[in-house]
PDB file of N, CA and C in Angstrom:
ATOM      1  N   GLN A   1     -25.712  15.222  10.008  1.00  0.00           N
ATOM      2  CA  GLN A   1     -24.158  15.566  10.147  1.00  0.00           C
ATOM      3  C   GLN A   1     -23.298  14.660  11.123  1.00  0.00           C
ATOM      4  N   VAL A   2     -22.091  14.073  10.467  1.00  0.00           N
ATOM      5  CA  VAL A   2     -21.381  13.360  10.631  1.00  0.00           C
ATOM      6  C   VAL A   2     -20.844  14.034  11.822  1.00  0.00           C
ATOM      7  N   GLN A   3     -20.732  13.166  12.988  1.00  0.00           N
ATOM      8  CA  GLN A   3     -19.231  13.494  14.297  1.00  0.00           C
ATOM      9  C   GLN A   3     -18.557  12.179  14.727  1.00  0.00           C
ATOM     10  N   LEU A   4     -17.270  12.714  15.174  1.00  0.00           N
ATOM     11  CA  LEU A   4     -16.539  12.075  15.605  1.00  0.00           C
ATOM     12  C   LEU A   4     -15.901  12.655  16.902  1.00  0.00           C
ATOM     13  N   VAL A   5     -15.966  11.925  17.960  1.00  0.00           N
ATOM     14  CA  VAL A   5     -15.660  12.135  19.097  1.00  0.00           C
ATOM     15  C   VAL A   5     -14.418  11.377  19.906  1.00  0.00           C
ATOM     16  N   GLU A   6     -13.562  11.864  20.132  1.00  0.00           N
ATOM     17  CA  GLU A   6     -12.352  11.185  20.841  1.00  0.00           C
ATOM     18  C   GLU A   6     -12.330  11.172  22.514  1.00  0.00           C
ATOM     19  N   SER A   7     -12.097  10.345  22.661  1.00  0.00           N
ATOM     20  CA  SER A   7     -11.286  10.172  24.263  1.00  0.00           C
ATOM     21  C   SER A   7     -10.522   9.410  25.261  1.00  0.00           C
ATOM     22  N   GLY A   8     -10.057   9.708  26.130  1.00  0.00           N
ATOM     23  CA  GLY A   8      -9.072   8.537  26.243  1.00  0.00           C
ATOM     24  C   GLY A   8      -7.466   8.905  26.949  1.00  0.00           C
ATOM     25  N   GLY A   9      -7.166  10.325  26.143  1.00  0.00           N
ATOM     26  CA  GLY A   9      -5.891  10.995  26.238  1.00  0.00           C
ATOM     27  C   GLY A   9      -5.499  11.106  27.465  1.00  0.00           C
ATOM     28  N   GLY A  10      -4.427  11.917  27.841  1.00  0.00           N
ATOM     29  CA  GLY A  10      -3.672  11.627  28.934  1.00  0.00           C
ATOM     30  C   GLY A  10      -2.301  11.970  28.987  1.00  0.00           C
ATOM     31  N   LEU A  11      -1.981  12.121  30.466  1.00  0.00           N
ATOM     32  CA  LEU A  11      -0.070  12.147  31.262  1.00  0.00           C
ATOM     33  C   LEU A  11      -0.158  10.559  31.337  1.00  0.00           C
ATOM     34  N   VAL A  12       0.865   9.875  30.757  1.00  0.00           N
ATOM     35  CA  VAL A  12       1.319   8.526  31.358  1.00  0.00           C
ATOM     36  C   VAL A  12       2.598   8.369  31.334  1.00  0.00           C
ATOM     37  N   GLN A  13       3.280   7.659  32.379  1.00  0.00           N
ATOM     38  CA  GLN A  13       4.878   7.235  31.677  1.00  0.00           C
ATOM     39  C   GLN A  13       4.747   6.797  31.072  1.00  0.00           C
ATOM     40  N   ALA A  14       6.735   6.764  30.691  1.00  0.00           N
ATOM     41  CA  ALA A  14       6.909   5.591  29.100  1.00  0.00           C
ATOM     42  C   ALA A  14       6.574   4.408  30.182  1.00  0.00           C
ATOM     43  N   GLY A  15       6.233   3.374  29.030  1.00  0.00           N
ATOM     44  CA  GLY A  15       6.052   2.115  29.579  1.00  0.00           C
ATOM     45  C   GLY A  15       4.856   1.786  30.149  1.00  0.00           C
ATOM     46  N   GLY A  16       3.693   2.744  29.799  1.00  0.00           N
ATOM     47  CA  GLY A  16       2.563   2.442  30.047  1.00  0.00           C
ATOM     48  C   GLY A  16       1.095   2.450  29.205  1.00  0.00           C
ATOM     49  N   SER A  17      -0.029   2.691  29.669  1.00  0.00           N
ATOM     50  CA  SER A  17      -0.714   1.841  28.526  1.00  0.00           C
ATOM     51  C   SER A  17      -2.021   3.089  28.824  1.00  0.00           C
ATOM     52  N   LEU A  18      -2.696   3.314  27.312  1.00  0.00           N
ATOM     53  CA  LEU A  18      -3.997   4.167  27.262  1.00  0.00           C
ATOM     54  C   LEU A  18      -5.160   3.312  26.142  1.00  0.00           C
ATOM     55  N   ARG A  19      -5.940   3.853  26.039  1.00  0.00           N
ATOM     56  CA  ARG A  19      -6.950   3.309  25.516  1.00  0.00           C
ATOM     57  C   ARG A  19      -7.891   4.509  24.869  1.00  0.00           C
ATOM     58  N   LEU A  20      -7.552   4.781  23.488  1.00  0.00           N
ATOM     59  CA  LEU A  20      -8.164   5.860  22.740  1.00  0.00           C
ATOM     60  C   LEU A  20      -9.654   5.325  22.386  1.00  0.00           C
ATOM     61  N   SER A  21     -10.854   5.858  22.881  1.00  0.00           N
ATOM     62  CA  SER A  21     -11.924   6.056  21.977  1.00  0.00           C
ATOM     63  C   SER A  21     -12.835   6.767  21.108  1.00  0.00           C
ATOM     64  N   CYS A  22     -13.287   6.471  20.298  1.00  0.00           N
ATOM     65  CA  CYS A  22     -13.849   7.712  19.123  1.00  0.00           C
ATOM     66  C   CYS A  22     -15.301   7.019  19.009  1.00  0.00           C
ATOM     67  N   ALA A  23     -16.142   7.873  19.404  1.00  0.00           N
ATOM     68  CA  ALA A  23     -17.331   7.462  18.784  1.00  0.00           C
ATOM     69  C   ALA A  23     -17.880   8.191  17.645  1.00  0.00           C
ATOM     70  N   VAL A  24     -18.552   7.695  16.879  1.00  0.00           N
ATOM     71  CA  VAL A  24     -19.333   8.224  15.934  1.00  0.00           C
ATOM     72  C   VAL A  24     -20.427   8.519  15.682  1.00  0.00           C
ATOM     73  N   SER A  25     -20.987   9.523  15.390  1.00  0.00           N
ATOM     74  CA  SER A  25     -22.599   9.379  14.998  1.00  0.00           C
ATOM     75  C   SER A  25     -23.019  10.142  13.451  1.00  0.00           C
ATOM     76  N   GLY A  26     -24.276   9.998  12.968  1.00  0.00           N
ATOM     77  CA  GLY A  26     -24.372  10.678  12.159  1.00  0.00           C
ATOM     78  C   GLY A  26     -23.772   9.723  10.597  1.00  0.00           C
ATOM     79  N   ARG A  27     -23.578   8.836  10.755  1.00  0.00           N
ATOM     80  CA  ARG A  27     -23.471   8.001   9.657  1.00  0.00           C
ATOM     81  C   ARG A  27     -23.409   6.113   9.996  1.00  0.00           C
ATOM     82  N   THR A  28     -23.660   5.854   8.826  1.00  0.00           N
ATOM     83  CA  THR A  28     -23.589   4.155   8.975  1.00  0.00           C
ATOM     84  C   THR A  28     -22.203   3.791   9.066  1.00  0.00           C
ATOM     85  N   PHE A  29     -22.039   3.871  10.326  1.00  0.00           N
ATOM     86  CA  PHE A  29     -20.748   3.349  10.963  1.00  0.00           C
ATOM     87  C   PHE A  29     -20.030   2.221  10.505  1.00  0.00           C
ATOM     88  N   SER A  30     -20.607   1.141  10.166  1.00  0.00           N
ATOM     89  CA  SER A  30     -19.769  -0.313   9.614  1.00  0.00           C
ATOM     90  C   SER A  30     -19.718  -0.027   7.707  1.00  0.00           C
ATOM     91  N   SER A  31     -20.034   1.041   7.269  1.00  0.00           N
ATOM     92  CA  SER A  31     -20.023   1.062   5.700  1.00  0.00           C
ATOM     93  C   SER A  31     -18.159   2.106   6.032  1.00  0.00           C
ATOM     94  N   TYR A  32     -17.978   2.228   6.819  1.00  0.00           N
ATOM     95  CA  TYR A  32     -16.663   3.395   6.563  1.00  0.00           C
ATOM     96  C   TYR A  32     -15.644   2.542   7.472  1.00  0.00           C
ATOM     97  N   ALA A  33     -14.139   2.217   6.380  1.00  0.00           N
ATOM     98  CA  ALA A  33     -13.060   2.138   7.249  1.00  0.00           C
ATOM     99  C   ALA A  33     -12.518   3.639   8.292  1.00  0.00           C
ATOM    100  N   MET A  34     -11.737   3.519   9.208  1.00  0.00           N
ATOM    101  CA  MET A  34     -11.715   4.130  10.403  1.00  0.00           C
ATOM    102  C   MET A  34     -10.241   4.477  10.350  1.00  0.00           C
ATOM    103  N   GLY A  35      -9.859   5.996  10.805  1.00  0.00           N
ATOM    104  CA  GLY A  35      -8.312   5.670  11.480  1.00  0.00           C
ATOM    105  C   GLY A  35      -7.824   6.394  11.994  1.00  0.00           C
ATOM    106  N   TRP A  36      -6.588   6.422  12.900  1.00  0.00           N
ATOM    107  CA  TRP A  36      -5.964   6.696  13.583  1.00  0.00           C
ATOM    108  C   TRP A  36      -4.922   7.974  13.373  1.00  0.00           C
ATOM    109  N   PHE A  37      -5.159   8.610  13.350  1.00  0.00           N
ATOM    110  CA  PHE A  37      -3.566   9.640  13.154  1.00  0.00           C
ATOM    111  C   PHE A  37      -2.946  10.243  14.060  1.00  0.00           C
ATOM    112  N   ARG A  38      -1.734  11.155  14.347  1.00  0.00           N
ATOM    113  CA  ARG A  38      -1.445  11.468  15.137  1.00  0.00           C
ATOM    114  C   ARG A  38      -0.679  12.635  14.461  1.00  0.00           C
ATOM    115  N   GLN A  39      -0.383  13.722  15.418  1.00  0.00           N
ATOM    116  CA  GLN A  39       0.385  14.959  15.128  1.00  0.00           C
ATOM    117  C   GLN A  39       1.321  16.059  16.473  1.00  0.00           C
ATOM    118  N   ALA A  40       2.514  16.032  16.502  1.00  0.00           N
ATOM    119  CA  ALA A  40       3.396  16.043  17.625  1.00  0.00           C
ATOM    120  C   ALA A  40       3.659  17.703  17.210  1.00  0.00           C
ATOM    121  N   PRO A  41       4.074  18.464  18.038  1.00  0.00           N
ATOM    122  CA  PRO A  41       4.269  19.469  17.940  1.00  0.00           C
ATOM    123  C   PRO A  41       5.399  20.037  16.977  1.00  0.00           C
ATOM    124  N   GLY A  42       5.126  20.803  15.790  1.00  0.00           N
ATOM    125  CA  GLY A  42       6.301  21.021  14.867  1.00  0.00           C
ATOM    126  C   GLY A  42       6.101  20.288  13.384  1.00  0.00           C
ATOM    127  N   LYS A  43       5.313  18.954  13.575  1.00  0.00           N
ATOM    128  CA  LYS A  43       5.553  17.597  12.980  1.00  0.00           C
ATOM    129  C   LYS A  43       4.219  17.874  12.237  1.00  0.00           C
ATOM    130  N   GLU A  44       4.053  17.029  10.808  1.00  0.00           N
ATOM    131  CA  GLU A  44       2.885  16.778  10.133  1.00  0.00           C
ATOM    132  C   GLU A  44       2.347  15.617  10.458  1.00  0.00           C
ATOM    133  N   ARG A  45       0.661  15.872  10.608  1.00  0.00           N
ATOM    134  CA  ARG A  45       0.151  14.467  11.202  1.00  0.00           C
ATOM    135  C   ARG A  45       0.389  12.944  10.030  1.00  0.00           C
ATOM    136  N   GLU A  46       0.296  11.992  10.657  1.00  0.00           N
ATOM    137  CA  GLU A  46       0.945  10.954  10.466  1.00  0.00           C
ATOM    138  C   GLU A  46      -0.135  10.018  10.728  1.00  0.00           C
ATOM    139  N   PHE A  47       0.241   8.971   9.836  1.00  0.00           N
ATOM    140  CA  PHE A  47      -0.836   7.670  10.107  1.00  0.00           C
ATOM    141  C   PHE A  47      -0.417   6.754  11.378  1.00  0.00           C
ATOM    142  N   VAL A  48      -1.361   6.670  12.123  1.00  0.00           N
ATOM    143  CA  VAL A  48      -0.883   5.352  12.857  1.00  0.00           C
ATOM    144  C   VAL A  48      -1.707   4.153  12.702  1.00  0.00           C
ATOM    145  N   ALA A  49      -2.957   4.098  12.696  1.00  0.00           N
ATOM    146  CA  ALA A  49      -3.600   2.926  12.228  1.00  0.00           C
ATOM    147  C   ALA A  49      -4.878   3.183  11.536  1.00  0.00           C
ATOM    148  N   ALA A  50      -5.460   1.836  11.155  1.00  0.00           N
ATOM    149  CA  ALA A  50      -6.532   1.796  10.113  1.00  0.00           C
ATOM    150  C   ALA A  50      -7.103   0.719  10.147  1.00  0.00           C
ATOM    151  N   ILE A  51      -8.519   0.535  10.182  1.00  0.00           N
ATOM    152  CA  ILE A  51      -9.254  -0.424  10.270  1.00  0.00           C
ATOM    153  C   ILE A  51     -10.301  -0.517   9.278  1.00  0.00           C
ATOM    154  N   SER A  52     -10.420  -1.742   8.857  1.00  0.00           N
ATOM    155  CA  SER A  52     -11.688  -2.065   7.476  1.00  0.00           C
ATOM    156  C   SER A  52     -13.093  -1.687   8.351  1.00  0.00           C
ATOM    157  N   GLY A  53     -14.208  -1.339   7.472  1.00  0.00           N
ATOM    158  CA  GLY A  53     -15.397  -1.145   8.398  1.00  0.00           C
ATOM    159  C   GLY A  53     -15.811  -2.280   8.652  1.00  0.00           C
ATOM    160  N   SER A  54     -15.796  -3.784   8.442  1.00  0.00           N
ATOM    161  CA  SER A  54     -15.962  -4.709   9.121  1.00  0.00           C
ATOM    162  C   SER A  54     -15.476  -5.287  10.671  1.00  0.00           C
ATOM    163  N   GLY A  55     -14.073  -4.372  10.518  1.00  0.00           N
ATOM    164  CA  GLY A  55     -13.006  -4.619  11.301  1.00  0.00           C
ATOM    165  C   GLY A  55     -12.357  -6.261  11.195  1.00  0.00           C
ATOM    166  N   GLY A  56     -12.615  -7.038   9.503  1.00  0.00           N
ATOM    167  CA  GLY A  56     -11.678  -7.942   9.369  1.00  0.00           C
ATOM    168  C   GLY A  56     -10.138  -7.476   9.419  1.00  0.00           C
ATOM    169  N   SER A  57      -9.714  -6.338   8.750  1.00  0.00           N
ATOM    170  CA  SER A  57      -8.571  -6.223   8.268  1.00  0.00           C
ATOM    171  C   SER A  57      -8.046  -4.613   8.906  1.00  0.00           C
ATOM    172  N   SER A  58      -6.505  -5.047   9.665  1.00  0.00           N
ATOM    173  CA  SER A  58      -5.868  -3.484  10.029  1.00  0.00           C
ATOM    174  C   SER A  58      -4.604  -3.270   9.494  1.00  0.00           C
ATOM    175  N   TYR A  59      -4.243  -2.210   9.992  1.00  0.00           N
ATOM    176  CA  TYR A  59      -3.242  -1.645   9.368  1.00  0.00           C
ATOM    177  C   TYR A  59      -2.449  -0.958  10.267  1.00  0.00           C
ATOM    178  N   TYR A  60      -1.307  -0.901  10.280  1.00  0.00           N
ATOM    179  CA  TYR A  60      -0.326  -0.133  11.099  1.00  0.00           C
ATOM    180  C   TYR A  60       0.908   0.753  10.805  1.00  0.00           C
ATOM    181  N   ALA A  61       1.288   1.810  11.519  1.00  0.00           N
ATOM    182  CA  ALA A  61       2.635   2.379  11.037  1.00  0.00           C
ATOM    183  C   ALA A  61       3.435   1.356  11.506  1.00  0.00           C
ATOM    184  N   ASN A  62       4.653   1.298  10.680  1.00  0.00           N
ATOM    185  CA  ASN A  62       5.877   0.598  11.651  1.00  0.00           C
ATOM    186  C   ASN A  62       6.198   1.138  12.916  1.00  0.00           C
ATOM    187  N   SER A  63       6.234   2.389  13.288  1.00  0.00           N
ATOM    188  CA  SER A  63       6.590   3.026  14.835  1.00  0.00           C
ATOM    189  C   SER A  63       5.788   2.606  15.552  1.00  0.00           C
ATOM    190  N   VAL A  64       4.655   1.797  15.138  1.00  0.00           N
ATOM    191  CA  VAL A  64       3.734   1.001  16.562  1.00  0.00           C
ATOM    192  C   VAL A  64       3.360  -0.025  15.902  1.00  0.00           C
ATOM    193  N   LYS A  65       3.581  -0.818  15.229  1.00  0.00           N
ATOM    194  CA  LYS A  65       3.110  -2.626  15.404  1.00  0.00           C
ATOM    195  C   LYS A  65       4.049  -2.930  16.150  1.00  0.00           C
ATOM    196  N   GLY A  66       3.065  -3.728  16.873  1.00  0.00           N
ATOM    197  CA  GLY A  66       3.723  -4.445  17.959  1.00  0.00           C
ATOM    198  C   GLY A  66       3.379  -3.885  19.224  1.00  0.00           C
ATOM    199  N   ARG A  67       2.734  -2.890  19.038  1.00  0.00           N
ATOM    200  CA  ARG A  67       2.764  -1.897  20.576  1.00  0.00           C
ATOM    201  C   ARG A  67       1.019  -1.459  20.581  1.00  0.00           C
ATOM    202  N   PHE A  68       0.472  -1.033  19.583  1.00  0.00           N
ATOM    203  CA  PHE A  68      -0.258  -0.452  19.680  1.00  0.00           C
ATOM    204  C   PHE A  68      -1.712  -1.356  18.703  1.00  0.00           C
ATOM    205  N   THR A  69      -2.632  -1.821  19.315  1.00  0.00           N
ATOM    206  CA  THR A  69      -4.051  -2.273  18.442  1.00  0.00           C
ATOM    207  C   THR A  69      -5.101  -1.209  18.463  1.00  0.00           C
ATOM    208  N   ILE A  70      -5.565  -1.517  16.947  1.00  0.00           N
ATOM    209  CA  ILE A  70      -6.710  -0.796  16.181  1.00  0.00           C
ATOM    210  C   ILE A  70      -7.760  -1.569  16.775  1.00  0.00           C
ATOM    211  N   SER A  71      -9.466  -1.292  16.975  1.00  0.00           N
ATOM    212  CA  SER A  71     -10.404  -2.202  17.095  1.00  0.00           C
ATOM    213  C   SER A  71     -11.681  -1.549  16.391  1.00  0.00           C
ATOM    214  N   ARG A  72     -13.085  -2.070  16.446  1.00  0.00           N
ATOM    215  CA  ARG A  72     -13.975  -1.711  16.406  1.00  0.00           C
ATOM    216  C   ARG A  72     -15.232  -1.928  17.034  1.00  0.00           C
ATOM    217  N   ASP A  73     -16.372  -1.297  17.304  1.00  0.00           N
ATOM    218  CA  ASP A  73     -17.617  -2.449  17.678  1.00  0.00           C
ATOM    219  C   ASP A  73     -17.945  -1.757  17.261  1.00  0.00           C
ATOM    220  N   ASN A  74     -18.854  -1.957  15.728  1.00  0.00           N
ATOM    221  CA  ASN A  74     -20.019  -2.171  15.406  1.00  0.00           C
ATOM    222  C   ASN A  74     -21.188  -1.574  15.900  1.00  0.00           C
ATOM    223  N   ALA A  75     -21.919  -2.365  16.738  1.00  0.00           N
ATOM    224  CA  ALA A  75     -22.777  -2.101  17.485  1.00  0.00           C
ATOM    225  C   ALA A  75     -23.068  -0.790  18.368  1.00  0.00           C
ATOM    226  N   LYS A  76     -21.820  -0.514  19.138  1.00  0.00           N
ATOM    227  CA  LYS A  76     -21.580   0.664  19.075  1.00  0.00           C
ATOM    228  C   LYS A  76     -20.923   1.927  18.596  1.00  0.00           C
ATOM    229  N   ASN A  77     -21.123   2.220  17.185  1.00  0.00           N
ATOM    230  CA  ASN A  77     -20.412   2.569  16.491  1.00  0.00           C
ATOM    231  C   ASN A  77     -18.717   3.733  17.228  1.00  0.00           C
ATOM    232  N   THR A  78     -18.272   2.971  17.524  1.00  0.00           N
ATOM    233  CA  THR A  78     -16.729   3.112  18.097  1.00  0.00           C
ATOM    234  C   THR A  78     -15.683   2.331  17.926  1.00  0.00           C
ATOM    235  N   VAL A  79     -14.610   3.247  17.983  1.00  0.00           N
ATOM    236  CA  VAL A  79     -13.486   3.118  17.417  1.00  0.00           C
ATOM    237  C   VAL A  79     -12.267   2.931  18.334  1.00  0.00           C
ATOM    238  N   TYR A  80     -11.376   2.135  19.228  1.00  0.00           N
ATOM    239  CA  TYR A  80     -10.229   2.298  19.796  1.00  0.00           C
ATOM    240  C   TYR A  80      -9.411   1.987  19.532  1.00  0.00           C
ATOM    241  N   LEU A  81      -8.193   2.329  20.035  1.00  0.00           N
ATOM    242  CA  LEU A  81      -6.791   2.357  20.086  1.00  0.00           C
ATOM    243  C   LEU A  81      -5.982   1.919  21.172  1.00  0.00           C
ATOM    244  N   GLN A  82      -5.568   0.836  21.690  1.00  0.00           N
ATOM    245  CA  GLN A  82      -5.182   0.269  22.714  1.00  0.00           C
ATOM    246  C   GLN A  82      -3.676   1.002  22.106  1.00  0.00           C
ATOM    247  N   MET A  83      -3.174   1.824  23.011  1.00  0.00           N
ATOM    248  CA  MET A  83      -1.722   2.012  23.349  1.00  0.00           C
ATOM    249  C   MET A  83      -0.918   0.622  24.077  1.00  0.00           C
ATOM    250  N   ASN A  84       0.209   0.322  24.135  1.00  0.00           N
ATOM    251  CA  ASN A  84       0.932   0.002  25.063  1.00  0.00           C
ATOM    252  C   ASN A  84       2.368   0.076  24.817  1.00  0.00           C
ATOM    253  N   SER A  85       3.206  -0.088  25.966  1.00  0.00           N
ATOM    254  CA  SER A  85       4.330   0.191  25.882  1.00  0.00           C
ATOM    255  C   SER A  85       4.973   1.365  25.335  1.00  0.00           C
ATOM    256  N   LEU A  86       3.933   2.278  26.029  1.00  0.00           N
ATOM    257  CA  LEU A  86       4.166   4.305  25.419  1.00  0.00           C
ATOM    258  C   LEU A  86       5.894   4.383  25.432  1.00  0.00           C
ATOM    259  N   GLU A  87       6.069   5.295  24.496  1.00  0.00           N
ATOM    260  CA  GLU A  87       7.477   5.868  24.368  1.00  0.00           C
ATOM    261  C   GLU A  87       7.069   7.351  24.389  1.00  0.00           C
ATOM    262  N   PRO A  88       8.295   8.388  24.598  1.00  0.00           N
ATOM    263  CA  PRO A  88       7.753   9.944  24.895  1.00  0.00           C
ATOM    264  C   PRO A  88       8.053  10.240  23.230  1.00  0.00           C
ATOM    265  N   GLU A  89       8.171   9.179  22.479  1.00  0.00           N
ATOM    266  CA  GLU A  89       8.239   9.636  20.747  1.00  0.00           C
ATOM    267  C   GLU A  89       6.263   9.524  20.705  1.00  0.00           C
ATOM    268  N   ASP A  90       5.365   9.133  21.577  1.00  0.00           N
ATOM    269  CA  ASP A  90       4.605   8.767  20.972  1.00  0.00           C
ATOM    270  C   ASP A  90       3.511  10.103  21.236  1.00  0.00           C
ATOM    271  N   THR A  91       4.103  11.159  21.976  1.00  0.00           N
ATOM    272  CA  THR A  91       3.427  12.177  22.483  1.00  0.00           C
ATOM    273  C   THR A  91       2.954  13.005  21.177  1.00  0.00           C
ATOM    274  N   ALA A  92       2.122  13.018  20.956  1.00  0.00           N
ATOM    275  CA  ALA A  92       1.100  13.820  20.345  1.00  0.00           C
ATOM    276  C   ALA A  92      -0.432  14.162  20.123  1.00  0.00           C
ATOM    277  N   VAL A  93      -1.231  15.131  19.735  1.00  0.00           N
ATOM    278  CA  VAL A  93      -2.553  14.783  19.760  1.00  0.00           C
ATOM    279  C   VAL A  93      -3.021  13.841  18.624  1.00  0.00           C
ATOM    280  N   TYR A  94      -3.733  13.359  19.219  1.00  0.00           N
ATOM    281  CA  TYR A  94      -4.306  12.222  18.017  1.00  0.00           C
ATOM    282  C   TYR A  94      -5.626  12.115  17.716  1.00  0.00           C
ATOM    283  N   TYR A  95      -6.026  11.432  16.693  1.00  0.00           N
ATOM    284  CA  TYR A  95      -7.245  12.095  15.923  1.00  0.00           C
ATOM    285  C   TYR A  95      -7.879  11.026  15.316  1.00  0.00           C
ATOM    286  N   CYS A  96      -8.850  10.884  15.083  1.00  0.00           N
ATOM    287  CA  CYS A  96      -9.608   9.694  14.735  1.00  0.00           C
ATOM    288  C   CYS A  96     -10.432   9.994  13.083  1.00  0.00           C
ATOM    289  N   ALA A  97     -10.711   9.420  12.405  1.00  0.00           N
ATOM    290  CA  ALA A  97     -11.188   9.632  11.064  1.00  0.00           C
ATOM    291  C   ALA A  97     -11.969   8.710  10.100  1.00  0.00           C
ATOM    292  N   SER A  98     -12.765   9.206   9.593  1.00  0.00           N
ATOM    293  CA  SER A  98     -13.620   8.033   8.925  1.00  0.00           C
ATOM    294  C   SER A  98     -12.932   8.060   7.095  1.00  0.00           C
ATOM    295  N   ARG A  99     -12.508   7.221   6.709  1.00  0.00           N
ATOM    296  CA  ARG A  99     -11.973   7.192   5.295  1.00  0.00           C
ATOM    297  C   ARG A  99     -12.969   7.226   4.308  1.00  0.00           C
ATOM    298  N   TYR A 100     -13.416   7.564   3.040  1.00  0.00           N
ATOM    299  CA  TYR A 100     -13.753   7.487   1.564  1.00  0.00           C
ATOM    300  C   TYR A 100     -13.754   6.987   0.528  1.00  0.00           C
ATOM    301  N   GLY A 101     -12.004   6.745   0.870  1.00  0.00           N
ATOM    302  CA  GLY A 101     -11.765   6.179  -0.149  1.00  0.00           C
ATOM    303  C   GLY A 101      -9.813   6.404  -0.765  1.00  0.00           C
ATOM    304  N   GLY A 102      -9.435   5.583  -0.852  1.00  0.00           N
ATOM    305  CA  GLY A 102      -7.632   5.939  -0.967  1.00  0.00           C
ATOM    306  C   GLY A 102      -7.082   5.392  -0.205  1.00  0.00           C
ATOM    307  N   ALA A 103      -5.386   5.392  -0.193  1.00  0.00           N
ATOM    308  CA  ALA A 103      -4.738   4.820   0.534  1.00  0.00           C
ATOM    309  C   ALA A 103      -5.333   4.704   2.288  1.00  0.00           C
ATOM    310  N   TYR A 104      -5.185   3.845   2.845  1.00  0.00           N
ATOM    311  CA  TYR A 104      -5.596   3.544   4.211  1.00  0.00           C
ATOM    312  C   TYR A 104      -4.546   4.595   4.958  1.00  0.00           C
ATOM    313  N   GLY A 105      -2.970   4.875   4.589  1.00  0.00           N
ATOM    314  CA  GLY A 105      -2.527   5.773   5.722  1.00  0.00           C
ATOM    315  C   GLY A 105      -2.425   7.150   4.792  1.00  0.00           C
ATOM    316  N   ASP A 106      -3.144   7.358   3.815  1.00  0.00           N
ATOM    317  CA  ASP A 106      -3.161   9.057   3.326  1.00  0.00           C
ATOM    318  C   ASP A 106      -3.943   9.741   4.340  1.00  0.00           C
ATOM    319  N   THR A 107      -4.122  10.831   5.004  1.00  0.00           N
ATOM    320  CA  THR A 107      -4.589  11.700   5.356  1.00  0.00           C
ATOM    321  C   THR A 107      -5.915  11.993   4.035  1.00  0.00           C
ATOM    322  N   GLY A 108      -5.139  12.401   2.971  1.00  0.00           N
ATOM    323  CA  GLY A 108      -6.396  12.714   2.090  1.00  0.00           C
ATOM    324  C   GLY A 108      -7.739  11.800   1.500  1.00  0.00           C
ATOM    325  N   ALA A 109      -7.184  10.235   2.278  1.00  0.00           N
ATOM    326  CA  ALA A 109      -8.105   9.330   1.829  1.00  0.00           C
ATOM    327  C   ALA A 109      -9.448   9.743   3.019  1.00  0.00           C
ATOM    328  N   TYR A 110      -9.434  10.383   4.026  1.00  0.00           N
ATOM    329  CA  TYR A 110     -10.405  10.840   5.368  1.00  0.00           C
ATOM    330  C   TYR A 110     -11.130  11.905   5.195  1.00  0.00           C
ATOM    331  N   ASN A 111     -12.265  12.128   5.024  1.00  0.00           N
ATOM    332  CA  ASN A 111     -12.837  13.108   4.976  1.00  0.00           C
ATOM    333  C   ASN A 111     -13.536  13.790   6.072  1.00  0.00           C
ATOM    334  N   VAL A 112     -13.547  13.336   7.438  1.00  0.00           N
ATOM    335  CA  VAL A 112     -14.289  13.616   8.175  1.00  0.00           C
ATOM    336  C   VAL A 112     -13.360  13.471   9.530  1.00  0.00           C
ATOM    337  N   TRP A 113     -12.792  14.376  10.676  1.00  0.00           N
ATOM    338  CA  TRP A 113     -12.164  14.183  11.349  1.00  0.00           C
ATOM    339  C   TRP A 113     -12.540  14.733  12.792  1.00  0.00           C
ATOM    340  N   GLY A 114     -12.031  13.632  14.024  1.00  0.00           N
ATOM    341  CA  GLY A 114     -12.313  14.535  15.042  1.00  0.00           C
ATOM    342  C   GLY A 114     -11.500  15.436  15.534  1.00  0.00           C
ATOM    343  N   GLN A 115     -11.793  15.784  16.931  1.00  0.00           N
ATOM    344  CA  GLN A 115     -11.208  17.291  17.202  1.00  0.00           C
ATOM    345  C   GLN A 115      -9.980  17.130  17.926  1.00  0.00           C
ATOM    346  N   GLY A 116      -9.941  15.787  18.365  1.00  0.00           N
ATOM    347  CA  GLY A 116      -8.448  15.518  18.625  1.00  0.00           C
ATOM    348  C   GLY A 116      -8.549  15.029  20.168  1.00  0.00           C
ATOM    349  N   THR A 117      -7.793  14.234  20.772  1.00  0.00           N
ATOM    350  CA  THR A 117      -7.118  14.438  22.086  1.00  0.00           C
ATOM    351  C   THR A 117      -5.653  14.348  22.736  1.00  0.00           C
ATOM    352  N   GLN A 118      -5.311  14.821  23.836  1.00  0.00           N
ATOM    353  CA  GLN A 118      -3.688  14.795  23.764  1.00  0.00           C
ATOM    354  C   GLN A 118      -3.391  13.683  24.717  1.00  0.00           C
ATOM    355  N   VAL A 119      -2.393  13.224  23.819  1.00  0.00           N
ATOM    356  CA  VAL A 119      -1.483  12.085  24.619  1.00  0.00           C
ATOM    357  C   VAL A 119      -0.269  12.813  25.048  1.00  0.00           C
ATOM    358  N   THR A 120       0.167  12.415  26.193  1.00  0.00           N
ATOM    359  CA  THR A 120       1.628  12.534  27.001  1.00  0.00           C
ATOM    360  C   THR A 120       2.321  11.580  27.395  1.00  0.00           C
ATOM    361  N   VAL A 121       3.080  11.286  26.577  1.00  0.00           N
ATOM    362  CA  VAL A 121       4.190  10.021  27.555  1.00  0.00           C
ATOM    363  C   VAL A 121       5.170  10.668  28.077  1.00  0.00           C
ATOM    364  N   SER A 122       5.504  10.651  29.692  1.00  0.00           N
ATOM    365  CA  SER A 122       6.814  11.130  30.468  1.00  0.00           C
ATOM    366  C   SER A 122       7.793   9.966  30.340  1.00  0.00           C
ATOM    367  N   SER A 123       9.175  10.660  30.362  1.00  0.00           N
ATOM    368  CA  SER A 123       9.795   9.850  30.287  1.00  0.00           C
ATOM    369  C   SER A 123      10.666   9.408  31.771  1.00  0.00           C
TER     370      SER A 123
END
């Protein structure tokens, strides 16, 4: 059974940083691209970033480009999201997901999801 477990969320002031982690078990981690999505109250889940299985390619939403960095450690079966220069608009529940096919930014391309971790950025 595939499991994704996020950690690292919390409360931070605007301009601060957080690093999210997503530990994966139950599948050959390096075979799958991984993504981070977020969902704010009353809004649809939106794409944040994705990384290929090898880690050689990464993709970002325009809203986080230059501030967030996605990375992965295939030896540890873990994907990370380093978030710098956080803004109140970044407040959301952040989810990691494992991609099986399709566009990197499409939620439908991901078939396994974590439970989410809350990130709150105060102004």
